[in-house]
Protein backbone atom coordinates (compact mmCIF):
# COMPACT_ATOMS: atom_id res chain seq x y z
CA MET A 1 12.18 -32.23 -26.37
CA SER A 2 15.00 -30.07 -24.64
CA LEU A 3 14.73 -26.41 -24.52
CA GLU A 4 17.02 -25.80 -26.98
CA MET A 5 15.01 -28.16 -29.55
CA LEU A 6 11.56 -26.59 -28.36
CA LYS A 7 12.72 -23.01 -29.01
CA SER A 8 13.54 -23.63 -32.59
CA GLU A 9 10.11 -25.44 -33.47
CA PRO A 10 7.08 -23.43 -35.30
CA GLY A 11 4.78 -22.16 -32.85
CA MET A 12 7.36 -21.56 -29.59
CA ARG A 13 9.37 -18.43 -28.89
CA PRO A 14 11.16 -17.13 -25.86
CA ALA A 15 8.80 -15.93 -23.30
CA PRO A 16 8.23 -12.20 -23.29
CA TYR A 17 9.93 -10.26 -20.37
CA LEU A 18 11.00 -13.67 -18.70
CA ALA A 19 13.51 -14.67 -21.36
CA SER A 20 15.23 -11.32 -21.65
CA ARG A 21 16.23 -11.37 -17.81
CA GLY A 22 17.84 -14.73 -18.47
CA PHE A 23 15.17 -17.19 -17.61
CA LYS A 24 14.82 -20.08 -19.79
CA TRP A 25 10.94 -19.85 -20.46
CA LEU A 26 9.24 -20.35 -23.63
CA GLN A 27 5.77 -19.49 -24.72
CA ARG A 28 3.79 -21.25 -26.91
CA PHE A 29 1.64 -19.04 -29.41
CA ASP A 30 0.40 -21.67 -31.72
CA SER A 31 -0.27 -25.41 -30.88
CA GLN A 32 1.08 -26.19 -34.48
CA THR A 33 4.17 -27.96 -32.89
CA LEU A 34 3.37 -28.57 -29.45
CA ASP A 35 -0.42 -30.07 -28.67
CA ASP A 36 -2.29 -29.49 -25.00
CA GLN A 37 -1.50 -32.79 -24.09
CA ALA A 38 2.42 -32.62 -24.79
CA LEU A 39 2.24 -29.35 -23.12
CA CYS A 40 1.12 -31.04 -20.03
CA ASP A 41 3.44 -33.65 -20.34
CA HIS A 42 6.53 -31.16 -20.21
CA VAL A 43 5.12 -29.18 -17.38
CA ARG A 44 4.63 -32.41 -15.33
CA GLN A 45 8.26 -33.66 -16.48
CA SER A 46 9.72 -30.25 -15.53
CA HIS A 47 7.81 -30.22 -12.16
CA ALA A 48 9.19 -33.72 -11.41
CA MET A 49 13.00 -32.50 -12.13
CA VAL A 50 12.47 -29.74 -9.85
CA MET A 51 11.06 -31.67 -7.02
CA ALA A 52 13.92 -34.40 -7.52
CA GLY A 53 16.21 -31.66 -6.83
CA LEU A 54 15.05 -30.33 -3.78
CA SER A 55 16.46 -31.17 -0.32
CA LYS A 56 14.64 -33.46 1.92
CA LYS A 57 13.70 -30.96 4.09
CA THR A 58 12.22 -28.56 1.72
CA LEU A 59 10.28 -31.48 0.00
CA ALA A 60 8.94 -32.54 3.59
CA ALA A 61 7.91 -28.71 3.87
CA ILE A 62 6.25 -28.69 0.50
CA GLN A 63 4.30 -32.00 1.17
CA SER A 64 3.44 -30.85 4.67
CA THR A 65 1.88 -27.82 3.09
CA ASP A 66 -0.07 -29.70 0.27
CA ALA A 67 -1.49 -32.08 3.18
CA GLU A 68 -2.94 -29.32 4.77
CA ASP A 69 -4.80 -27.70 1.66
């Protein structure tokens, strides 16, 4: 589901403080629409989209930091 679709679902609302500053974040205050597994899937998908948009240099730096941990 896209952000526009999710924000109109029951149990979802713009995240306090973040949404008022122009960020596109939602807060799930009830699992009525989005269960824990679906929420985790959205987070994974968002992470993959961000990683796909990074430059090769930035991606390599992140991956080398992960390897050190």
